[in-house]
Protein backbone atom coordinates (compact mmCIF):
# COMPACT_ATOMS: atom_id res chain seq x y z
CA MET A 1 80.17 112.99 57.07
CA ALA A 2 81.53 114.09 60.44
CA ASP A 3 79.13 115.12 63.20
CA GLN A 4 79.73 118.83 63.78
CA LEU A 5 78.36 118.49 67.33
CA ILE A 6 81.22 116.29 68.53
CA GLU A 7 84.28 118.49 69.03
CA VAL A 8 87.95 117.50 69.00
CA VAL A 9 90.16 120.49 69.79
CA GLU A 10 93.70 119.20 69.14
CA SER A 11 94.93 116.33 66.99
CA ALA A 12 96.69 114.80 70.03
CA ASP A 13 93.40 114.55 71.98
CA ASN A 14 92.14 111.05 72.76
CA VAL A 15 88.73 112.32 73.91
CA ALA A 16 86.10 114.49 72.24
CA THR A 17 83.39 116.69 73.73
CA ALA A 18 79.73 115.98 72.94
CA LEU A 19 77.85 119.13 72.02
CA ARG A 20 74.64 117.09 71.93
CA ASP A 21 73.33 114.06 73.78
CA ILE A 22 74.64 110.79 72.30
CA GLU A 23 72.98 107.42 72.88
CA ALA A 24 74.66 104.06 73.46
CA GLY A 25 74.54 101.99 70.28
CA GLU A 26 74.73 105.06 68.06
CA THR A 27 77.51 105.21 65.47
CA VAL A 28 79.18 108.62 65.30
CA THR A 29 81.73 110.06 62.90
CA VAL A 30 84.23 112.49 64.40
CA LEU A 31 86.62 114.80 62.55
CA VAL A 32 90.19 114.77 63.89
CA ASP A 33 92.28 117.18 61.84
CA GLU A 34 91.36 116.17 58.28
CA ALA A 35 90.60 112.51 59.09
CA GLU A 36 87.21 111.09 60.02
CA ARG A 37 86.88 108.43 62.73
CA THR A 38 83.78 106.31 63.05
CA ILE A 39 83.03 105.17 66.59
CA GLU A 40 80.36 102.82 67.94
CA MET A 41 79.09 104.31 71.20
CA HIS A 42 79.13 101.99 74.21
CA ASP A 43 77.59 104.49 76.64
CA ASP A 44 75.17 107.37 76.66
CA VAL A 45 77.10 110.65 76.72
CA GLU A 46 75.32 113.83 77.75
CA PHE A 47 75.86 117.28 76.28
CA GLY A 48 79.17 118.73 77.48
CA HIS A 49 80.69 115.40 78.52
CA LYS A 50 83.61 113.50 77.00
CA LEU A 51 83.80 110.33 74.93
CA ALA A 52 86.86 108.23 74.21
CA LEU A 53 88.12 108.37 70.63
CA GLU A 54 90.36 105.34 71.07
CA PRO A 55 90.98 102.59 73.62
CA LEU A 56 92.89 103.75 76.71
CA SER A 57 94.69 101.44 79.13
CA ALA A 58 94.43 101.90 82.88
CA GLY A 59 97.04 104.52 83.80
CA GLU A 60 97.19 106.01 80.31
CA THR A 61 97.03 109.80 80.00
CA VAL A 62 93.69 111.30 78.99
CA THR A 63 94.33 114.26 76.69
CA LYS A 64 91.92 117.12 75.95
CA TYR A 65 92.84 120.54 74.52
CA GLY A 66 96.26 119.01 73.75
CA THR A 67 96.91 118.77 77.51
CA SER A 68 96.73 115.98 80.05
CA ILE A 69 93.55 116.20 82.13
CA GLY A 70 94.18 113.00 84.07
CA ASP A 71 94.90 109.31 83.86
CA ALA A 72 92.50 106.49 83.06
CA SER A 73 91.72 104.73 86.35
CA THR A 74 90.40 101.70 84.40
CA ALA A 75 90.63 100.54 80.81
CA ILE A 76 88.38 102.67 78.59
CA GLU A 77 87.10 101.56 75.18
CA ALA A 78 86.53 103.89 72.23
CA GLY A 79 82.96 105.15 72.49
CA GLU A 80 82.78 105.05 76.28
CA TRP A 81 81.77 107.98 78.44
CA VAL A 82 84.91 109.52 80.01
CA HIS A 83 84.26 111.08 83.41
CA VAL A 84 85.17 110.83 87.11
CA HIS A 85 84.19 107.14 87.27
CA ASN A 86 87.06 106.16 84.98
CA VAL A 87 89.54 109.07 85.14
CA GLU A 88 91.72 110.29 88.00
CA SER A 89 91.89 114.01 87.26
CA ASN A 90 95.11 115.98 87.54
CA TYR A 91 93.69 119.10 85.94
CA GLY A 92 94.68 122.12 87.98
CA ARG A 93 96.51 119.96 90.53
CA GLY A 94 100.00 121.38 90.86
CA ASP A 95 101.06 118.38 92.94
CA LEU A 96 100.42 116.08 89.94
CA ALA A 97 101.42 118.39 87.12
CA ASP A 98 104.50 117.85 85.02
CA GLN A 99 105.98 120.03 82.30
CA ASN A 100 103.17 119.11 79.88
CA GLN A 101 100.30 119.85 82.23
CA SER A 102 98.58 122.93 83.57
CA GLN A 103 99.69 123.92 87.04
CA ALA A 104 97.42 125.51 89.60
CA VAL A 105 98.00 129.20 90.08
CA GLN A 106 99.31 129.92 93.55
CA GLU A 107 98.95 133.36 95.00
């Protein structure tokens, strides 16, 4: 049964948000649309942080809310903590945004 405290917003997302603390070595089941994914956690992930749902290559787009939030700066395995140590953020950066990304509001 899927853990209701690990949230995937859009089916295209390759990360989920932990709504509870998750420990390395724990096996979690995440609901993506109607399908369940079982993931062995490699890292501790604190409440409110992201975990990888699938392996990501260095340079691959990290997607949350159906939108690019950055690019993997290193290879990331499913079950790893996804944060500033392994993602180069482009979220809100108009200079890095393309047609599929959020652009910073300029006044």
